[in-house]
Amino acid sequence: MTRRLIAQIRVLRRPDLAPGAVRIEVTCRYSTTGLTSIPSEVLKLTVPMLVTSACYLHEERCNRCDTSEAHDQGEQHVRDWTEAMWPAMQDARIRRHTDGRRN
């Protein structure tokens, strides 16, 4: 039995882009996925929220490593909501696709 490689999180402050800007990188042997955020008054994302988003993005792109420890550094509430909503979102996507093919 082989064990999947564990992804790591890096939080990089990017004041060269804007005050309070951060880049979240999820890295494994196979790839690095980055997500850069510039603070906004409209959408107030915390670093843990960005970590969760970057983990999901890395899973989608890489799909060869274990992101569970990286997810532990993220926002659990956002992860729970995403996991609960994902099946309904997939069903809606399939319905839109099917409806488009029928017309």
PDB file of N, CA and C in Angstrom:
ATOM      1  N   MET A   1       0.844  -1.178   0.000  1.00  0.00           N
ATOM      2  CA  MET A   1       0.000   0.000   0.000  1.00  0.00           C
ATOM      3  C   MET A   1       0.892   1.246   0.000  1.00  0.00           C
ATOM      4  N   THR A   2       0.592   2.179  -0.868  1.00  0.00           N
ATOM      5  CA  THR A   2       1.363   3.415  -0.918  1.00  0.00           C
ATOM      6  C   THR A   2       0.591   4.536  -0.257  1.00  0.00           C
ATOM      7  N   ARG A   3       1.330   5.414   0.331  1.00  0.00           N
ATOM      8  CA  ARG A   3       0.734   6.548   1.026  1.00  0.00           C
ATOM      9  C   ARG A   3       0.808   7.779   0.139  1.00  0.00           C
ATOM     10  N   ARG A   4      -0.272   8.540   0.096  1.00  0.00           N
ATOM     11  CA  ARG A   4      -0.292   9.749  -0.719  1.00  0.00           C
ATOM     12  C   ARG A   4       0.572  10.831  -0.071  1.00  0.00           C
ATOM     13  N   LEU A   5       1.240  11.581  -0.914  1.00  0.00           N
ATOM     14  CA  LEU A   5       2.051  12.691  -0.464  1.00  0.00           C
ATOM     15  C   LEU A   5       1.171  13.749   0.198  1.00  0.00           C
ATOM     16  N   ILE A   6       1.660  14.366   1.252  1.00  0.00           N
ATOM     17  CA  ILE A   6       0.887  15.364   1.992  1.00  0.00           C
ATOM     18  C   ILE A   6       1.212  16.763   1.477  1.00  0.00           C
ATOM     19  N   ALA A   7       0.174  17.511   1.153  1.00  0.00           N
ATOM     20  CA  ALA A   7       0.341  18.886   0.660  1.00  0.00           C
ATOM     21  C   ALA A   7       0.668  19.821   1.826  1.00  0.00           C
ATOM     22  N   GLN A   8       1.424  20.846   1.530  1.00  0.00           N
ATOM     23  CA  GLN A   8       1.822  21.852   2.510  1.00  0.00           C
ATOM     24  C   GLN A   8       1.232  23.209   2.132  1.00  0.00           C
ATOM     25  N   ILE A   9       0.996  24.050   3.151  1.00  0.00           N
ATOM     26  CA  ILE A   9       0.463  25.401   2.935  1.00  0.00           C
ATOM     27  C   ILE A   9       1.559  26.427   3.232  1.00  0.00           C
ATOM     28  N   ARG A  10       1.617  27.446   2.384  1.00  0.00           N
ATOM     29  CA  ARG A  10       2.467  28.610   2.661  1.00  0.00           C
ATOM     30  C   ARG A  10       1.601  29.851   2.517  1.00  0.00           C
ATOM     31  N   VAL A  11       1.697  30.723   3.499  1.00  0.00           N
ATOM     32  CA  VAL A  11       0.998  32.009   3.444  1.00  0.00           C
ATOM     33  C   VAL A  11       2.057  33.085   3.256  1.00  0.00           C
ATOM     34  N   LEU A  12       1.981  33.765   2.131  1.00  0.00           N
ATOM     35  CA  LEU A  12       2.966  34.792   1.798  1.00  0.00           C
ATOM     36  C   LEU A  12       2.305  36.160   1.833  1.00  0.00           C
ATOM     37  N   ARG A  13       2.837  37.051   2.625  1.00  0.00           N
ATOM     38  CA  ARG A  13       2.343  38.433   2.644  1.00  0.00           C
ATOM     39  C   ARG A  13       2.870  39.123   1.394  1.00  0.00           C
ATOM     40  N   ARG A  14       2.009  39.880   0.694  1.00  0.00           N
ATOM     41  CA  ARG A  14       2.394  40.541  -0.556  1.00  0.00           C
ATOM     42  C   ARG A  14       2.100  42.038  -0.517  1.00  0.00           C
ATOM     43  N   PRO A  15       2.794  42.791   0.351  1.00  0.00           N
ATOM     44  CA  PRO A  15       2.560  44.231   0.426  1.00  0.00           C
ATOM     45  C   PRO A  15       2.958  44.962  -0.855  1.00  0.00           C
ATOM     46  N   ASP A  16       3.760  44.302  -1.715  1.00  0.00           N
ATOM     47  CA  ASP A  16       4.123  44.911  -2.991  1.00  0.00           C
ATOM     48  C   ASP A  16       2.927  45.017  -3.937  1.00  0.00           C
ATOM     49  N   LEU A  17       1.909  44.194  -3.718  1.00  0.00           N
ATOM     50  CA  LEU A  17       0.700  44.242  -4.543  1.00  0.00           C
ATOM     51  C   LEU A  17      -0.316  45.244  -3.999  1.00  0.00           C
ATOM     52  N   ALA A  18      -0.522  45.190  -2.690  1.00  0.00           N
ATOM     53  CA  ALA A  18      -1.466  46.086  -2.015  1.00  0.00           C
ATOM     54  C   ALA A  18      -1.322  45.864  -0.516  1.00  0.00           C
ATOM     55  N   PRO A  19      -1.669  46.861   0.292  1.00  0.00           N
ATOM     56  CA  PRO A  19      -1.637  46.653   1.737  1.00  0.00           C
ATOM     57  C   PRO A  19      -2.576  45.506   2.127  1.00  0.00           C
ATOM     58  N   GLY A  20      -2.056  44.556   2.882  1.00  0.00           N
ATOM     59  CA  GLY A  20      -2.870  43.430   3.347  1.00  0.00           C
ATOM     60  C   GLY A  20      -3.017  42.293   2.350  1.00  0.00           C
ATOM     61  N   ALA A  21      -2.410  42.399   1.168  1.00  0.00           N
ATOM     62  CA  ALA A  21      -2.518  41.332   0.162  1.00  0.00           C
ATOM     63  C   ALA A  21      -1.758  40.093   0.631  1.00  0.00           C
ATOM     64  N   VAL A  22      -2.315  38.922   0.321  1.00  0.00           N
ATOM     65  CA  VAL A  22      -1.670  37.649   0.659  1.00  0.00           C
ATOM     66  C   VAL A  22      -1.755  36.700  -0.526  1.00  0.00           C
ATOM     67  N   ARG A  23      -0.816  35.787  -0.558  1.00  0.00           N
ATOM     68  CA  ARG A  23      -0.846  34.692  -1.526  1.00  0.00           C
ATOM     69  C   ARG A  23      -0.782  33.400  -0.732  1.00  0.00           C
ATOM     70  N   ILE A  24      -1.716  32.523  -1.011  1.00  0.00           N
ATOM     71  CA  ILE A  24      -1.754  31.210  -0.372  1.00  0.00           C
ATOM     72  C   ILE A  24      -1.251  30.209  -1.403  1.00  0.00           C
ATOM     73  N   GLU A  25      -0.267  29.411  -1.031  1.00  0.00           N
ATOM     74  CA  GLU A  25       0.243  28.381  -1.927  1.00  0.00           C
ATOM     75  C   GLU A  25       0.083  27.011  -1.282  1.00  0.00           C
ATOM     76  N   VAL A  26      -0.506  26.096  -2.034  1.00  0.00           N
ATOM     77  CA  VAL A  26      -0.618  24.701  -1.623  1.00  0.00           C
ATOM     78  C   VAL A  26       0.369  23.944  -2.508  1.00  0.00           C
ATOM     79  N   THR A  27       1.322  23.281  -1.869  1.00  0.00           N
ATOM     80  CA  THR A  27       2.424  22.669  -2.601  1.00  0.00           C
ATOM     81  C   THR A  27       2.552  21.191  -2.268  1.00  0.00           C
ATOM     82  N   CYS A  28       2.792  20.411  -3.306  1.00  0.00           N
ATOM     83  CA  CYS A  28       3.159  19.007  -3.137  1.00  0.00           C
ATOM     84  C   CYS A  28       4.254  18.711  -4.156  1.00  0.00           C
ATOM     85  N   ARG A  29       4.718  17.492  -4.214  1.00  0.00           N
ATOM     86  CA  ARG A  29       5.784  17.131  -5.142  1.00  0.00           C
ATOM     87  C   ARG A  29       5.351  17.319  -6.593  1.00  0.00           C
ATOM     88  N   TYR A  30       4.062  17.203  -6.848  1.00  0.00           N
ATOM     89  CA  TYR A  30       3.556  17.233  -8.214  1.00  0.00           C
ATOM     90  C   TYR A  30       3.263  18.634  -8.738  1.00  0.00           C
ATOM     91  N   SER A  31       2.828  19.533  -7.859  1.00  0.00           N
ATOM     92  CA  SER A  31       2.466  20.868  -8.338  1.00  0.00           C
ATOM     93  C   SER A  31       2.322  21.858  -7.188  1.00  0.00           C
ATOM     94  N   THR A  32       2.242  23.116  -7.565  1.00  0.00           N
ATOM     95  CA  THR A  32       1.955  24.200  -6.626  1.00  0.00           C
ATOM     96  C   THR A  32       0.768  24.963  -7.158  1.00  0.00           C
ATOM     97  N   THR A  33      -0.202  25.188  -6.294  1.00  0.00           N
ATOM     98  CA  THR A  33      -1.384  25.953  -6.656  1.00  0.00           C
ATOM     99  C   THR A  33      -1.389  27.215  -5.818  1.00  0.00           C
ATOM    100  N   GLY A  34      -1.534  28.363  -6.468  1.00  0.00           N
ATOM    101  CA  GLY A  34      -1.519  29.624  -5.753  1.00  0.00           C
ATOM    102  C   GLY A  34      -2.828  30.378  -5.890  1.00  0.00           C
ATOM    103  N   LEU A  35      -3.155  31.101  -4.848  1.00  0.00           N
ATOM    104  CA  LEU A  35      -4.350  31.940  -4.817  1.00  0.00           C
ATOM    105  C   LEU A  35      -3.942  33.253  -4.149  1.00  0.00           C
ATOM    106  N   THR A  36      -4.064  34.348  -4.887  1.00  0.00           N
ATOM    107  CA  THR A  36      -3.677  35.659  -4.372  1.00  0.00           C
ATOM    108  C   THR A  36      -4.920  36.477  -4.093  1.00  0.00           C
ATOM    109  N   SER A  37      -4.937  37.155  -2.952  1.00  0.00           N
ATOM    110  CA  SER A  37      -6.104  37.949  -2.562  1.00  0.00           C
ATOM    111  C   SER A  37      -5.681  39.354  -2.142  1.00  0.00           C
ATOM    112  N   ILE A  38      -6.407  40.319  -2.652  1.00  0.00           N
ATOM    113  CA  ILE A  38      -6.225  41.713  -2.266  1.00  0.00           C
ATOM    114  C   ILE A  38      -7.444  42.101  -1.444  1.00  0.00           C
ATOM    115  N   PRO A  39      -7.262  42.636  -0.241  1.00  0.00           N
ATOM    116  CA  PRO A  39      -8.400  42.961   0.623  1.00  0.00           C
ATOM    117  C   PRO A  39      -9.386  43.918  -0.043  1.00  0.00           C
ATOM    118  N   SER A  40     -10.634  43.747   0.345  1.00  0.00           N
ATOM    119  CA  SER A  40     -11.720  44.563  -0.201  1.00  0.00           C
ATOM    120  C   SER A  40     -12.715  44.868   0.912  1.00  0.00           C
ATOM    121  N   GLU A  41     -13.354  46.007   0.808  1.00  0.00           N
ATOM    122  CA  GLU A  41     -14.404  46.352   1.775  1.00  0.00           C
ATOM    123  C   GLU A  41     -15.663  45.529   1.521  1.00  0.00           C
ATOM    124  N   VAL A  42     -15.844  45.078   0.290  1.00  0.00           N
ATOM    125  CA  VAL A  42     -17.056  44.347  -0.091  1.00  0.00           C
ATOM    126  C   VAL A  42     -16.982  42.882   0.331  1.00  0.00           C
ATOM    127  N   LEU A  43     -15.860  42.244   0.049  1.00  0.00           N
ATOM    128  CA  LEU A  43     -15.700  40.822   0.319  1.00  0.00           C
ATOM    129  C   LEU A  43     -14.547  40.646   1.298  1.00  0.00           C
ATOM    130  N   LYS A  44     -14.857  40.377   2.544  1.00  0.00           N
ATOM    131  CA  LYS A  44     -13.841  40.274   3.593  1.00  0.00           C
ATOM    132  C   LYS A  44     -13.491  38.802   3.836  1.00  0.00           C
ATOM    133  N   LEU A  45     -12.475  38.341   3.112  1.00  0.00           N
ATOM    134  CA  LEU A  45     -12.027  36.962   3.245  1.00  0.00           C
ATOM    135  C   LEU A  45     -10.858  36.894   4.223  1.00  0.00           C
ATOM    136  N   THR A  46     -10.931  35.976   5.153  1.00  0.00           N
ATOM    137  CA  THR A  46      -9.847  35.774   6.110  1.00  0.00           C
ATOM    138  C   THR A  46      -8.814  34.820   5.505  1.00  0.00           C
ATOM    139  N   VAL A  47      -7.635  34.784   6.098  1.00  0.00           N
ATOM    140  CA  VAL A  47      -6.597  33.855   5.629  1.00  0.00           C
ATOM    141  C   VAL A  47      -7.100  32.411   5.719  1.00  0.00           C
ATOM    142  N   PRO A  48      -7.750  31.975   6.814  1.00  0.00           N
ATOM    143  CA  PRO A  48      -8.255  30.598   6.829  1.00  0.00           C
ATOM    144  C   PRO A  48      -9.271  30.312   5.705  1.00  0.00           C
ATOM    145  N   MET A  49     -10.108  31.284   5.352  1.00  0.00           N
ATOM    146  CA  MET A  49     -11.037  31.091   4.235  1.00  0.00           C
ATOM    147  C   MET A  49     -10.276  30.906   2.925  1.00  0.00           C
ATOM    148  N   LEU A  50      -9.226  31.696   2.741  1.00  0.00           N
ATOM    149  CA  LEU A  50      -8.412  31.585   1.529  1.00  0.00           C
ATOM    150  C   LEU A  50      -7.671  30.256   1.487  1.00  0.00           C
ATOM    151  N   VAL A  51      -7.215  29.779   2.640  1.00  0.00           N
ATOM    152  CA  VAL A  51      -6.540  28.478   2.706  1.00  0.00           C
ATOM    153  C   VAL A  51      -7.496  27.383   2.246  1.00  0.00           C
ATOM    154  N   THR A  52      -8.729  27.406   2.734  1.00  0.00           N
ATOM    155  CA  THR A  52      -9.718  26.412   2.320  1.00  0.00           C
ATOM    156  C   THR A  52      -9.955  26.476   0.819  1.00  0.00           C
ATOM    157  N   SER A  53     -10.109  27.664   0.288  1.00  0.00           N
ATOM    158  CA  SER A  53     -10.324  27.824  -1.157  1.00  0.00           C
ATOM    159  C   SER A  53      -9.130  27.298  -1.946  1.00  0.00           C
ATOM    160  N   ALA A  54      -7.919  27.615  -1.505  1.00  0.00           N
ATOM    161  CA  ALA A  54      -6.717  27.155  -2.201  1.00  0.00           C
ATOM    162  C   ALA A  54      -6.590  25.631  -2.148  1.00  0.00           C
ATOM    163  N   CYS A  55      -6.983  25.040  -1.025  1.00  0.00           N
ATOM    164  CA  CYS A  55      -6.943  23.571  -0.914  1.00  0.00           C
ATOM    165  C   CYS A  55      -7.883  22.922  -1.922  1.00  0.00           C
ATOM    166  N   TYR A  56      -9.099  23.435  -2.027  1.00  0.00           N
ATOM    167  CA  TYR A  56     -10.042  22.885  -3.005  1.00  0.00           C
ATOM    168  C   TYR A  56      -9.518  23.072  -4.425  1.00  0.00           C
ATOM    169  N   LEU A  57      -8.943  24.209  -4.710  1.00  0.00           N
ATOM    170  CA  LEU A  57      -8.392  24.471  -6.033  1.00  0.00           C
ATOM    171  C   LEU A  57      -7.246  23.503  -6.333  1.00  0.00           C
ATOM    172  N   HIS A  58      -6.390  23.265  -5.338  1.00  0.00           N
ATOM    173  CA  HIS A  58      -5.283  22.328  -5.525  1.00  0.00           C
ATOM    174  C   HIS A  58      -5.802  20.910  -5.749  1.00  0.00           C
ATOM    175  N   GLU A  59      -6.805  20.512  -4.986  1.00  0.00           N
ATOM    176  CA  GLU A  59      -7.385  19.174  -5.170  1.00  0.00           C
ATOM    177  C   GLU A  59      -7.892  19.004  -6.600  1.00  0.00           C
ATOM    178  N   GLU A  60      -8.568  20.022  -7.102  1.00  0.00           N
ATOM    179  CA  GLU A  60      -9.126  19.960  -8.454  1.00  0.00           C
ATOM    180  C   GLU A  60      -8.020  19.838  -9.502  1.00  0.00           C
ATOM    181  N   ARG A  61      -6.945  20.566  -9.322  1.00  0.00           N
ATOM    182  CA  ARG A  61      -5.875  20.589 -10.318  1.00  0.00           C
ATOM    183  C   ARG A  61      -4.907  19.408 -10.200  1.00  0.00           C
ATOM    184  N   CYS A  62      -4.584  19.022  -8.978  1.00  0.00           N
ATOM    185  CA  CYS A  62      -3.565  17.994  -8.757  1.00  0.00           C
ATOM    186  C   CYS A  62      -4.184  16.608  -8.627  1.00  0.00           C
ATOM    187  N   ASN A  63      -5.030  16.439  -7.642  1.00  0.00           N
ATOM    188  CA  ASN A  63      -5.725  15.177  -7.365  1.00  0.00           C
ATOM    189  C   ASN A  63      -4.785  13.989  -7.138  1.00  0.00           C
ATOM    190  N   ARG A  64      -3.555  14.259  -6.703  1.00  0.00           N
ATOM    191  CA  ARG A  64      -2.624  13.159  -6.444  1.00  0.00           C
ATOM    192  C   ARG A  64      -2.069  13.183  -5.033  1.00  0.00           C
ATOM    193  N   CYS A  65      -2.414  14.212  -4.256  1.00  0.00           N
ATOM    194  CA  CYS A  65      -1.845  14.302  -2.911  1.00  0.00           C
ATOM    195  C   CYS A  65      -2.961  14.408  -1.869  1.00  0.00           C
ATOM    196  N   ASP A  66      -2.555  14.291  -0.623  1.00  0.00           N
ATOM    197  CA  ASP A  66      -3.480  14.364   0.505  1.00  0.00           C
ATOM    198  C   ASP A  66      -3.491  15.807   1.032  1.00  0.00           C
ATOM    199  N   THR A  67      -4.640  16.466   0.944  1.00  0.00           N
ATOM    200  CA  THR A  67      -4.749  17.859   1.397  1.00  0.00           C
ATOM    201  C   THR A  67      -5.402  17.979   2.777  1.00  0.00           C
ATOM    202  N   SER A  68      -5.622  16.872   3.460  1.00  0.00           N
ATOM    203  CA  SER A  68      -6.356  16.929   4.732  1.00  0.00           C
ATOM    204  C   SER A  68      -5.641  17.784   5.779  1.00  0.00           C
ATOM    205  N   GLU A  69      -4.324  17.666   5.900  1.00  0.00           N
ATOM    206  CA  GLU A  69      -3.604  18.491   6.880  1.00  0.00           C
ATOM    207  C   GLU A  69      -3.607  19.962   6.472  1.00  0.00           C
ATOM    208  N   ALA A  70      -3.539  20.216   5.188  1.00  0.00           N
ATOM    209  CA  ALA A  70      -3.623  21.599   4.702  1.00  0.00           C
ATOM    210  C   ALA A  70      -5.006  22.169   5.005  1.00  0.00           C
ATOM    211  N   HIS A  71      -6.040  21.365   4.782  1.00  0.00           N
ATOM    212  CA  HIS A  71      -7.403  21.803   5.093  1.00  0.00           C
ATOM    213  C   HIS A  71      -7.563  22.141   6.580  1.00  0.00           C
ATOM    214  N   ASP A  72      -6.837  21.444   7.437  1.00  0.00           N
ATOM    215  CA  ASP A  72      -6.930  21.706   8.884  1.00  0.00           C
ATOM    216  C   ASP A  72      -6.525  23.138   9.234  1.00  0.00           C
ATOM    217  N   GLN A  73      -5.750  23.780   8.378  1.00  0.00           N
ATOM    218  CA  GLN A  73      -5.328  25.161   8.613  1.00  0.00           C
ATOM    219  C   GLN A  73      -6.354  26.161   8.070  1.00  0.00           C
ATOM    220  N   GLY A  74      -7.377  25.643   7.411  1.00  0.00           N
ATOM    221  CA  GLY A  74      -8.391  26.499   6.808  1.00  0.00           C
ATOM    222  C   GLY A  74      -9.576  26.745   7.716  1.00  0.00           C
ATOM    223  N   GLU A  75     -10.634  27.272   7.134  1.00  0.00           N
ATOM    224  CA  GLU A  75     -11.867  27.623   7.849  1.00  0.00           C
ATOM    225  C   GLU A  75     -12.834  26.436   7.784  1.00  0.00           C
ATOM    226  N   GLN A  76     -13.041  25.778   8.921  1.00  0.00           N
ATOM    227  CA  GLN A  76     -13.864  24.572   8.962  1.00  0.00           C
ATOM    228  C   GLN A  76     -15.308  24.853   8.545  1.00  0.00           C
ATOM    229  N   HIS A  77     -15.849  25.992   8.931  1.00  0.00           N
ATOM    230  CA  HIS A  77     -17.234  26.328   8.576  1.00  0.00           C
ATOM    231  C   HIS A  77     -17.406  26.393   7.053  1.00  0.00           C
ATOM    232  N   VAL A  78     -16.441  26.997   6.367  1.00  0.00           N
ATOM    233  CA  VAL A  78     -16.497  27.096   4.905  1.00  0.00           C
ATOM    234  C   VAL A  78     -16.375  25.705   4.288  1.00  0.00           C
ATOM    235  N   ARG A  79     -15.508  24.885   4.844  1.00  0.00           N
ATOM    236  CA  ARG A  79     -15.341  23.519   4.325  1.00  0.00           C
ATOM    237  C   ARG A  79     -16.620  22.708   4.523  1.00  0.00           C
ATOM    238  N   ASP A  80     -17.224  22.804   5.705  1.00  0.00           N
ATOM    239  CA  ASP A  80     -18.472  22.073   5.964  1.00  0.00           C
ATOM    240  C   ASP A  80     -19.568  22.503   4.996  1.00  0.00           C
ATOM    241  N   TRP A  81     -19.700  23.819   4.793  1.00  0.00           N
ATOM    242  CA  TRP A  81     -20.723  24.338   3.881  1.00  0.00           C
ATOM    243  C   TRP A  81     -20.478  23.844   2.455  1.00  0.00           C
ATOM    244  N   THR A  82     -19.229  23.890   2.015  1.00  0.00           N
ATOM    245  CA  THR A  82     -18.885  23.446   0.664  1.00  0.00           C
ATOM    246  C   THR A  82     -19.193  21.968   0.488  1.00  0.00           C
ATOM    247  N   GLU A  83     -18.809  21.164   1.466  1.00  0.00           N
ATOM    248  CA  GLU A  83     -19.069  19.721   1.383  1.00  0.00           C
ATOM    249  C   GLU A  83     -20.569  19.431   1.357  1.00  0.00           C
ATOM    250  N   ALA A  84     -21.348  20.192   2.117  1.00  0.00           N
ATOM    251  CA  ALA A  84     -22.801  19.985   2.148  1.00  0.00           C
ATOM    252  C   ALA A  84     -23.460  20.424   0.841  1.00  0.00           C
ATOM    253  N   MET A  85     -22.971  21.504   0.251  1.00  0.00           N
ATOM    254  CA  MET A  85     -23.592  22.060  -0.951  1.00  0.00           C
ATOM    255  C   MET A  85     -23.114  21.413  -2.252  1.00  0.00           C
ATOM    256  N   TRP A  86     -21.964  20.766  -2.243  1.00  0.00           N
ATOM    257  CA  TRP A  86     -21.373  20.244  -3.472  1.00  0.00           C
ATOM    258  C   TRP A  86     -22.309  19.317  -4.259  1.00  0.00           C
ATOM    259  N   PRO A  87     -22.975  18.341  -3.632  1.00  0.00           N
ATOM    260  CA  PRO A  87     -23.864  17.475  -4.416  1.00  0.00           C
ATOM    261  C   PRO A  87     -24.985  18.258  -5.123  1.00  0.00           C
ATOM    262  N   ALA A  88     -25.569  19.227  -4.449  1.00  0.00           N
ATOM    263  CA  ALA A  88     -26.639  20.024  -5.072  1.00  0.00           C
ATOM    264  C   ALA A  88     -26.083  20.862  -6.222  1.00  0.00           C
ATOM    265  N   MET A  89     -24.881  21.387  -6.062  1.00  0.00           N
ATOM    266  CA  MET A  89     -24.270  22.176  -7.126  1.00  0.00           C
ATOM    267  C   MET A  89     -23.964  21.298  -8.342  1.00  0.00           C
ATOM    268  N   GLN A  90     -23.494  20.094  -8.107  1.00  0.00           N
ATOM    269  CA  GLN A  90     -23.232  19.170  -9.209  1.00  0.00           C
ATOM    270  C   GLN A  90     -24.525  18.781  -9.916  1.00  0.00           C
ATOM    271  N   ASP A  91     -25.585  18.522  -9.157  1.00  0.00           N
ATOM    272  CA  ASP A  91     -26.883  18.190  -9.757  1.00  0.00           C
ATOM    273  C   ASP A  91     -27.384  19.332 -10.635  1.00  0.00           C
ATOM    274  N   ALA A  92     -27.265  20.574 -10.156  1.00  0.00           N
ATOM    275  CA  ALA A  92     -27.710  21.736 -10.933  1.00  0.00           C
ATOM    276  C   ALA A  92     -26.880  21.865 -12.205  1.00  0.00           C
ATOM    277  N   ARG A  93     -25.604  21.616 -12.120  1.00  0.00           N
ATOM    278  CA  ARG A  93     -24.732  21.683 -13.309  1.00  0.00           C
ATOM    279  C   ARG A  93     -25.133  20.636 -14.345  1.00  0.00           C
ATOM    280  N   ILE A  94     -25.438  19.440 -13.892  1.00  0.00           N
ATOM    281  CA  ILE A  94     -25.867  18.369 -14.802  1.00  0.00           C
ATOM    282  C   ILE A  94     -27.204  18.725 -15.441  1.00  0.00           C
ATOM    283  N   ARG A  95     -28.133  19.272 -14.641  1.00  0.00           N
ATOM    284  CA  ARG A  95     -29.440  19.666 -15.200  1.00  0.00           C
ATOM    285  C   ARG A  95     -29.286  20.742 -16.261  1.00  0.00           C
ATOM    286  N   ARG A  96     -28.442  21.746 -16.002  1.00  0.00           N
ATOM    287  CA  ARG A  96     -28.222  22.804 -16.999  1.00  0.00           C
ATOM    288  C   ARG A  96     -27.649  22.222 -18.282  1.00  0.00           C
ATOM    289  N   HIS A  97     -26.722  21.318 -18.138  1.00  0.00           N
ATOM    290  CA  HIS A  97     -26.114  20.687 -19.310  1.00  0.00           C
ATOM    291  C   HIS A  97     -27.155  19.867 -20.085  1.00  0.00           C
ATOM    292  N   THR A  98     -27.931  19.061 -19.357  1.00  0.00           N
ATOM    293  CA  THR A  98     -28.955  18.230 -19.989  1.00  0.00           C
ATOM    294  C   THR A  98     -30.022  19.091 -20.652  1.00  0.00           C
ATOM    295  N   ASP A  99     -30.483  20.123 -19.979  1.00  0.00           N
ATOM    296  CA  ASP A  99     -31.502  21.008 -20.550  1.00  0.00           C
ATOM    297  C   ASP A  99     -30.977  21.692 -21.813  1.00  0.00           C
ATOM    298  N   GLY A 100     -29.725  22.074 -21.814  1.00  0.00           N
ATOM    299  CA  GLY A 100     -29.127  22.709 -22.988  1.00  0.00           C
ATOM    300  C   GLY A 100     -29.020  21.767 -24.175  1.00  0.00           C
ATOM    301  N   ARG A 101     -28.828  20.496 -23.933  1.00  0.00           N
ATOM    302  CA  ARG A 101     -28.712  19.523 -25.014  1.00  0.00           C
ATOM    303  C   ARG A 101     -30.080  19.160 -25.585  1.00  0.00           C
ATOM    304  N   ARG A 102     -31.142  19.307 -24.794  1.00  0.00           N
ATOM    305  CA  ARG A 102     -32.483  18.976 -25.258  1.00  0.00           C
ATOM    306  C   ARG A 102     -33.041  20.039 -26.192  1.00  0.00           C
ATOM    307  N   ASN A 103     -32.601  21.273 -26.030  1.00  0.00           N
ATOM    308  CA  ASN A 103     -33.146  22.369 -26.848  1.00  0.00           C
ATOM    309  C   ASN A 103     -32.503  22.461 -28.190  1.00  0.00           C
TER     310      ASN A 103
END
